[in-house]
Amino acid sequence: MKTYVRPMTAWWWRRNPFYRWYMVREASCVFITAYALELLVGLARLAQGRAAFEAWRESLASPGAVVFHVVTLAFVAYHAWTWFNVMPKTLPFVRLGGRRVPDRMIVVTAIGSAVAASIAVFLAVWWYRP
């Protein structure tokens, strides 16, 4: 008896839109990793002194760095959006007043909480800057 092996083409994920978006989300890790490495470089420059850190900060204002940050922000936002949409499927059933909370309500509440927390952090940093 021979085991069935499903044939795979090189571009198998291009046939189905679900798989295309899945691959986009998985490819986002390249940009997120590059961003994490960029932050590590900034930390290393901070350890080297004020002049090195200021030079690193100035390099972030270049057009290439700005484009990189915008693309990375888009990938992070898409990645977060997909995880928020998975949340109702991974949580146990949430009941409120004896009724099950709709999936859409869970997603909207999670996104609203993330936006509120982001605004709070932004305002705290802006308000307490030296």
N, C-alpha and C. Protein backbone atom coordinates (compact mmCIF):
# COMPACT_ATOMS: atom_id res chain seq x y z
N MET A 1 0.84 -1.17 0.00
CA MET A 1 0.00 0.00 0.00
C MET A 1 0.88 1.24 0.00
N LYS A 2 0.61 2.17 -0.89
CA LYS A 2 1.42 3.37 -1.04
C LYS A 2 0.66 4.57 -0.44
N THR A 3 1.37 5.41 0.31
CA THR A 3 0.77 6.60 0.91
C THR A 3 0.53 7.65 -0.16
N TYR A 4 -0.64 8.28 -0.08
CA TYR A 4 -0.97 9.34 -1.04
C TYR A 4 -0.18 10.60 -0.71
N VAL A 5 0.46 11.16 -1.70
CA VAL A 5 1.19 12.40 -1.54
C VAL A 5 0.55 13.42 -2.46
N ARG A 6 0.02 14.47 -1.87
CA ARG A 6 -0.65 15.50 -2.66
C ARG A 6 0.38 16.31 -3.43
N PRO A 7 0.23 16.46 -4.72
CA PRO A 7 1.21 17.23 -5.49
C PRO A 7 1.10 18.72 -5.15
N MET A 8 2.25 19.37 -5.02
CA MET A 8 2.28 20.80 -4.70
C MET A 8 3.02 21.52 -5.81
N THR A 9 2.42 22.57 -6.30
CA THR A 9 3.09 23.41 -7.29
C THR A 9 3.85 24.50 -6.55
N ALA A 10 4.71 25.17 -7.27
CA ALA A 10 5.53 26.21 -6.64
C ALA A 10 4.67 27.38 -6.13
N TRP A 11 3.58 27.69 -6.80
CA TRP A 11 2.76 28.83 -6.41
C TRP A 11 1.38 28.39 -5.94
N TRP A 12 1.31 27.36 -5.13
CA TRP A 12 0.05 26.79 -4.67
C TRP A 12 -0.84 27.79 -3.96
N TRP A 13 -0.26 28.75 -3.30
CA TRP A 13 -1.01 29.69 -2.48
C TRP A 13 -1.67 30.80 -3.30
N ARG A 14 -1.33 30.90 -4.59
CA ARG A 14 -1.89 31.97 -5.41
C ARG A 14 -3.29 31.66 -5.93
N ARG A 15 -3.72 30.42 -5.84
CA ARG A 15 -5.03 30.03 -6.38
C ARG A 15 -6.20 30.45 -5.49
N ASN A 16 -5.98 30.54 -4.22
CA ASN A 16 -7.06 30.83 -3.28
C ASN A 16 -6.77 32.14 -2.56
N PRO A 17 -7.70 33.10 -2.57
CA PRO A 17 -7.45 34.39 -1.90
C PRO A 17 -7.14 34.24 -0.41
N PHE A 18 -7.76 33.28 0.26
CA PHE A 18 -7.48 33.05 1.68
C PHE A 18 -6.00 32.74 1.89
N TYR A 19 -5.44 31.88 1.04
CA TYR A 19 -4.03 31.51 1.17
C TYR A 19 -3.12 32.67 0.79
N ARG A 20 -3.55 33.49 -0.17
CA ARG A 20 -2.73 34.66 -0.54
C ARG A 20 -2.58 35.59 0.66
N TRP A 21 -3.68 35.89 1.33
CA TRP A 21 -3.62 36.79 2.49
C TRP A 21 -2.88 36.14 3.65
N TYR A 22 -2.98 34.84 3.75
CA TYR A 22 -2.22 34.11 4.77
C TYR A 22 -0.72 34.28 4.51
N MET A 23 -0.32 34.15 3.26
CA MET A 23 1.10 34.29 2.93
C MET A 23 1.59 35.73 3.13
N VAL A 24 0.74 36.70 2.86
CA VAL A 24 1.10 38.09 3.12
C VAL A 24 1.36 38.29 4.61
N ARG A 25 0.47 37.72 5.44
CA ARG A 25 0.66 37.84 6.89
C ARG A 25 1.95 37.16 7.32
N GLU A 26 2.23 36.00 6.78
CA GLU A 26 3.45 35.29 7.15
C GLU A 26 4.70 36.02 6.64
N ALA A 27 4.60 36.67 5.50
CA ALA A 27 5.74 37.42 4.96
C ALA A 27 6.01 38.69 5.76
N SER A 28 5.02 39.15 6.51
CA SER A 28 5.20 40.35 7.31
C SER A 28 6.29 40.17 8.36
N CYS A 29 6.59 38.93 8.71
CA CYS A 29 7.61 38.69 9.73
C CYS A 29 8.98 39.20 9.30
N VAL A 30 9.23 39.27 7.99
CA VAL A 30 10.51 39.78 7.50
C VAL A 30 10.66 41.25 7.90
N PHE A 31 9.61 42.04 7.68
CA PHE A 31 9.68 43.46 8.03
C PHE A 31 9.69 43.68 9.54
N ILE A 32 8.93 42.88 10.25
CA ILE A 32 8.89 43.01 11.70
C ILE A 32 10.23 42.64 12.32
N THR A 33 10.89 41.63 11.77
CA THR A 33 12.22 41.25 12.25
C THR A 33 13.24 42.35 11.93
N ALA A 34 13.15 42.91 10.73
CA ALA A 34 14.06 44.00 10.37
C ALA A 34 13.86 45.20 11.29
N TYR A 35 12.63 45.49 11.65
CA TYR A 35 12.35 46.59 12.57
C TYR A 35 12.93 46.31 13.95
N ALA A 36 12.78 45.07 14.42
CA ALA A 36 13.34 44.71 15.72
C ALA A 36 14.86 44.85 15.70
N LEU A 37 15.49 44.45 14.61
CA LEU A 37 16.95 44.61 14.50
C LEU A 37 17.33 46.09 14.47
N GLU A 38 16.52 46.91 13.81
CA GLU A 38 16.79 48.34 13.79
C GLU A 38 16.73 48.93 15.20
N LEU A 39 15.78 48.49 16.00
CA LEU A 39 15.70 48.96 17.38
C LEU A 39 16.91 48.49 18.20
N LEU A 40 17.38 47.28 17.92
CA LEU A 40 18.59 46.81 18.61
C LEU A 40 19.81 47.64 18.23
N VAL A 41 19.89 48.03 16.97
CA VAL A 41 20.99 48.92 16.54
C VAL A 41 20.89 50.25 17.29
N GLY A 42 19.67 50.77 17.42
CA GLY A 42 19.48 52.01 18.17
C GLY A 42 19.91 51.86 19.62
N LEU A 43 19.63 50.73 20.21
CA LEU A 43 20.06 50.48 21.59
C LEU A 43 21.58 50.41 21.68
N ALA A 44 22.22 49.79 20.69
CA ALA A 44 23.68 49.73 20.66
C ALA A 44 24.28 51.13 20.50
N ARG A 45 23.65 51.93 19.64
CA ARG A 45 24.14 53.31 19.45
C ARG A 45 23.96 54.14 20.72
N LEU A 46 22.90 53.89 21.45
CA LEU A 46 22.68 54.58 22.71
C LEU A 46 23.79 54.23 23.70
N ALA A 47 24.20 52.97 23.70
CA ALA A 47 25.28 52.55 24.60
C ALA A 47 26.62 53.15 24.19
N GLN A 48 26.76 53.53 22.91
CA GLN A 48 28.01 54.11 22.43
C GLN A 48 28.14 55.59 22.74
N GLY A 49 27.06 56.21 23.13
CA GLY A 49 27.14 57.63 23.49
C GLY A 49 26.12 58.47 22.75
N ARG A 50 26.04 59.71 23.19
CA ARG A 50 25.05 60.63 22.64
C ARG A 50 25.25 60.90 21.15
N ALA A 51 26.47 61.09 20.71
CA ALA A 51 26.73 61.41 19.30
C ALA A 51 26.31 60.25 18.39
N ALA A 52 26.64 59.03 18.77
CA ALA A 52 26.26 57.87 17.96
C ALA A 52 24.74 57.71 17.93
N PHE A 53 24.09 57.95 19.07
CA PHE A 53 22.64 57.82 19.12
C PHE A 53 21.96 58.89 18.28
N GLU A 54 22.46 60.12 18.34
CA GLU A 54 21.87 61.20 17.53
C GLU A 54 22.07 60.94 16.05
N ALA A 55 23.22 60.37 15.67
CA ALA A 55 23.45 60.03 14.25
C ALA A 55 22.46 58.95 13.81
N TRP A 56 22.21 57.99 14.68
CA TRP A 56 21.23 56.95 14.34
C TRP A 56 19.83 57.56 14.19
N ARG A 57 19.47 58.45 15.09
CA ARG A 57 18.16 59.11 15.01
C ARG A 57 18.02 59.92 13.74
N GLU A 58 19.09 60.60 13.33
CA GLU A 58 19.05 61.38 12.09
C GLU A 58 18.89 60.46 10.88
N SER A 59 19.47 59.28 10.95
CA SER A 59 19.33 58.35 9.81
C SER A 59 17.89 57.87 9.65
N LEU A 60 17.12 57.92 10.72
CA LEU A 60 15.72 57.51 10.63
C LEU A 60 14.86 58.51 9.87
N ALA A 61 15.38 59.70 9.62
CA ALA A 61 14.62 60.72 8.90
C ALA A 61 14.84 60.63 7.38
N SER A 62 15.68 59.72 6.93
CA SER A 62 15.91 59.59 5.49
C SER A 62 14.65 59.04 4.82
N PRO A 63 14.45 59.36 3.54
CA PRO A 63 13.25 58.87 2.84
C PRO A 63 13.12 57.35 2.85
N GLY A 64 14.22 56.64 2.72
CA GLY A 64 14.16 55.18 2.74
C GLY A 64 13.69 54.64 4.08
N ALA A 65 14.16 55.27 5.16
CA ALA A 65 13.74 54.84 6.50
C ALA A 65 12.27 55.14 6.73
N VAL A 66 11.81 56.28 6.23
CA VAL A 66 10.39 56.62 6.40
C VAL A 66 9.51 55.64 5.64
N VAL A 67 9.89 55.31 4.41
CA VAL A 67 9.13 54.33 3.63
C VAL A 67 9.13 52.97 4.33
N PHE A 68 10.30 52.57 4.84
CA PHE A 68 10.39 51.31 5.56
C PHE A 68 9.44 51.29 6.75
N HIS A 69 9.39 52.38 7.50
CA HIS A 69 8.53 52.43 8.68
C HIS A 69 7.05 52.42 8.29
N VAL A 70 6.68 53.08 7.22
CA VAL A 70 5.29 53.08 6.77
C VAL A 70 4.88 51.68 6.33
N VAL A 71 5.74 51.00 5.56
CA VAL A 71 5.44 49.63 5.11
C VAL A 71 5.35 48.70 6.31
N THR A 72 6.27 48.84 7.24
CA THR A 72 6.26 47.99 8.43
C THR A 72 5.00 48.24 9.26
N LEU A 73 4.61 49.50 9.39
CA LEU A 73 3.38 49.82 10.12
C LEU A 73 2.17 49.16 9.46
N ALA A 74 2.11 49.19 8.14
CA ALA A 74 1.00 48.55 7.43
C ALA A 74 0.99 47.04 7.69
N PHE A 75 2.16 46.41 7.65
CA PHE A 75 2.23 44.97 7.91
C PHE A 75 1.84 44.64 9.35
N VAL A 76 2.29 45.44 10.28
CA VAL A 76 1.94 45.20 11.69
C VAL A 76 0.44 45.40 11.91
N ALA A 77 -0.12 46.41 11.30
CA ALA A 77 -1.57 46.65 11.44
C ALA A 77 -2.36 45.48 10.84
N TYR A 78 -1.94 45.00 9.67
CA TYR A 78 -2.63 43.86 9.06
C TYR A 78 -2.49 42.61 9.93
N HIS A 79 -1.29 42.38 10.44
CA HIS A 79 -1.04 41.22 11.30
C HIS A 79 -1.92 41.29 12.55
N ALA A 80 -1.99 42.46 13.17
CA ALA A 80 -2.82 42.63 14.36
C ALA A 80 -4.30 42.43 14.02
N TRP A 81 -4.73 42.95 12.88
CA TRP A 81 -6.12 42.80 12.45
C TRP A 81 -6.49 41.32 12.31
N THR A 82 -5.62 40.54 11.71
CA THR A 82 -5.91 39.11 11.53
C THR A 82 -5.99 38.41 12.88
N TRP A 83 -5.13 38.79 13.82
CA TRP A 83 -5.18 38.14 15.14
C TRP A 83 -6.41 38.57 15.92
N PHE A 84 -6.84 39.81 15.77
CA PHE A 84 -8.07 40.22 16.43
C PHE A 84 -9.26 39.44 15.87
N ASN A 85 -9.26 39.16 14.58
CA ASN A 85 -10.35 38.40 13.97
C ASN A 85 -10.34 36.93 14.40
N VAL A 86 -9.20 36.41 14.81
CA VAL A 86 -9.12 35.03 15.27
C VAL A 86 -9.57 34.91 16.73
N MET A 87 -9.52 36.01 17.45
CA MET A 87 -9.79 35.99 18.88
C MET A 87 -11.10 35.29 19.27
N PRO A 88 -12.24 35.55 18.61
CA PRO A 88 -13.47 34.86 19.02
C PRO A 88 -13.41 33.34 18.84
N LYS A 89 -12.59 32.89 17.93
CA LYS A 89 -12.48 31.45 17.69
C LYS A 89 -11.60 30.77 18.73
N THR A 90 -10.73 31.51 19.37
CA THR A 90 -9.81 30.92 20.34
C THR A 90 -10.29 31.07 21.79
N LEU A 91 -11.16 32.03 22.04
CA LEU A 91 -11.69 32.23 23.39
C LEU A 91 -12.78 31.21 23.69
N PRO A 92 -12.92 30.84 24.96
CA PRO A 92 -14.13 30.07 25.31
C PRO A 92 -15.35 30.98 25.13
N PHE A 93 -16.52 30.39 25.02
CA PHE A 93 -17.71 31.21 24.82
C PHE A 93 -17.86 32.20 25.95
N VAL A 94 -18.04 33.46 25.59
CA VAL A 94 -18.22 34.53 26.57
C VAL A 94 -19.72 34.79 26.67
N ARG A 95 -20.22 34.72 27.89
CA ARG A 95 -21.66 34.94 28.12
C ARG A 95 -21.84 36.20 28.96
N LEU A 96 -22.82 36.97 28.59
CA LEU A 96 -23.15 38.19 29.30
C LEU A 96 -24.67 38.25 29.43
N GLY A 97 -25.16 38.21 30.65
CA GLY A 97 -26.59 38.21 30.88
C GLY A 97 -27.26 36.94 30.35
N GLY A 98 -26.56 35.82 30.38
CA GLY A 98 -27.12 34.56 29.93
C GLY A 98 -27.08 34.35 28.43
N ARG A 99 -26.61 35.35 27.68
CA ARG A 99 -26.53 35.24 26.22
C ARG A 99 -25.08 35.26 25.79
N ARG A 100 -24.80 34.56 24.73
CA ARG A 100 -23.44 34.52 24.19
C ARG A 100 -23.13 35.85 23.51
N VAL A 101 -21.94 36.39 23.81
CA VAL A 101 -21.51 37.64 23.19
C VAL A 101 -21.16 37.35 21.73
N PRO A 102 -21.69 38.14 20.80
CA PRO A 102 -21.40 37.90 19.38
C PRO A 102 -19.91 38.07 19.07
N ASP A 103 -19.43 37.31 18.09
CA ASP A 103 -18.03 37.38 17.70
C ASP A 103 -17.62 38.80 17.29
N ARG A 104 -18.48 39.46 16.57
CA ARG A 104 -18.18 40.82 16.11
C ARG A 104 -17.95 41.76 17.29
N MET A 105 -18.71 41.60 18.34
CA MET A 105 -18.57 42.44 19.53
C MET A 105 -17.21 42.21 20.20
N ILE A 106 -16.76 40.97 20.22
CA ILE A 106 -15.46 40.65 20.81
C ILE A 106 -14.35 41.32 20.01
N VAL A 107 -14.43 41.25 18.68
CA VAL A 107 -13.40 41.85 17.82
C VAL A 107 -13.40 43.37 17.98
N VAL A 108 -14.58 43.98 17.94
CA VAL A 108 -14.66 45.44 18.05
C VAL A 108 -14.16 45.91 19.42
N THR A 109 -14.48 45.18 20.47
CA THR A 109 -14.02 45.54 21.81
C THR A 109 -12.50 45.42 21.92
N ALA A 110 -11.94 44.36 21.34
CA ALA A 110 -10.49 44.17 21.39
C ALA A 110 -9.76 45.26 20.62
N ILE A 111 -10.25 45.59 19.44
CA ILE A 111 -9.63 46.66 18.64
C ILE A 111 -9.76 48.00 19.36
N GLY A 112 -10.94 48.27 19.90
CA GLY A 112 -11.13 49.51 20.64
C GLY A 112 -10.22 49.62 21.85
N SER A 113 -10.02 48.51 22.55
CA SER A 113 -9.11 48.51 23.70
C SER A 113 -7.67 48.76 23.27
N ALA A 114 -7.26 48.16 22.16
CA ALA A 114 -5.90 48.37 21.66
C ALA A 114 -5.69 49.82 21.23
N VAL A 115 -6.69 50.39 20.56
CA VAL A 115 -6.58 51.79 20.14
C VAL A 115 -6.55 52.71 21.36
N ALA A 116 -7.40 52.45 22.35
CA ALA A 116 -7.42 53.28 23.56
C ALA A 116 -6.08 53.18 24.31
N ALA A 117 -5.52 51.98 24.41
CA ALA A 117 -4.23 51.82 25.09
C ALA A 117 -3.13 52.54 24.32
N SER A 118 -3.17 52.49 23.00
CA SER A 118 -2.16 53.18 22.18
C SER A 118 -2.26 54.69 22.37
N ILE A 119 -3.47 55.21 22.38
CA ILE A 119 -3.66 56.65 22.60
C ILE A 119 -3.18 57.04 24.00
N ALA A 120 -3.47 56.22 24.99
CA ALA A 120 -3.03 56.52 26.36
C ALA A 120 -1.51 56.56 26.46
N VAL A 121 -0.84 55.61 25.82
CA VAL A 121 0.63 55.60 25.84
C VAL A 121 1.16 56.83 25.11
N PHE A 122 0.59 57.13 23.95
CA PHE A 122 1.03 58.31 23.19
C PHE A 122 0.88 59.58 24.02
N LEU A 123 -0.28 59.74 24.64
CA LEU A 123 -0.50 60.95 25.45
C LEU A 123 0.41 61.00 26.67
N ALA A 124 0.67 59.86 27.28
CA ALA A 124 1.56 59.83 28.44
C ALA A 124 2.98 60.23 28.04
N VAL A 125 3.44 59.73 26.90
CA VAL A 125 4.78 60.10 26.44
C VAL A 125 4.82 61.57 26.05
N TRP A 126 3.79 62.04 25.37
CA TRP A 126 3.75 63.43 24.94
C TRP A 126 3.65 64.36 26.13
N TRP A 127 2.85 64.02 27.12
CA TRP A 127 2.62 64.89 28.27
C TRP A 127 3.84 64.97 29.17
N TYR A 128 4.56 63.86 29.37
CA TYR A 128 5.66 63.82 30.33
C TYR A 128 7.03 63.97 29.69
N ARG A 129 7.11 64.48 28.48
CA ARG A 129 8.41 64.66 27.85
C ARG A 129 9.16 65.81 28.53
N PRO A 130 10.48 65.69 28.60
CA PRO A 130 11.25 66.74 29.30
C PRO A 130 11.36 68.01 28.50
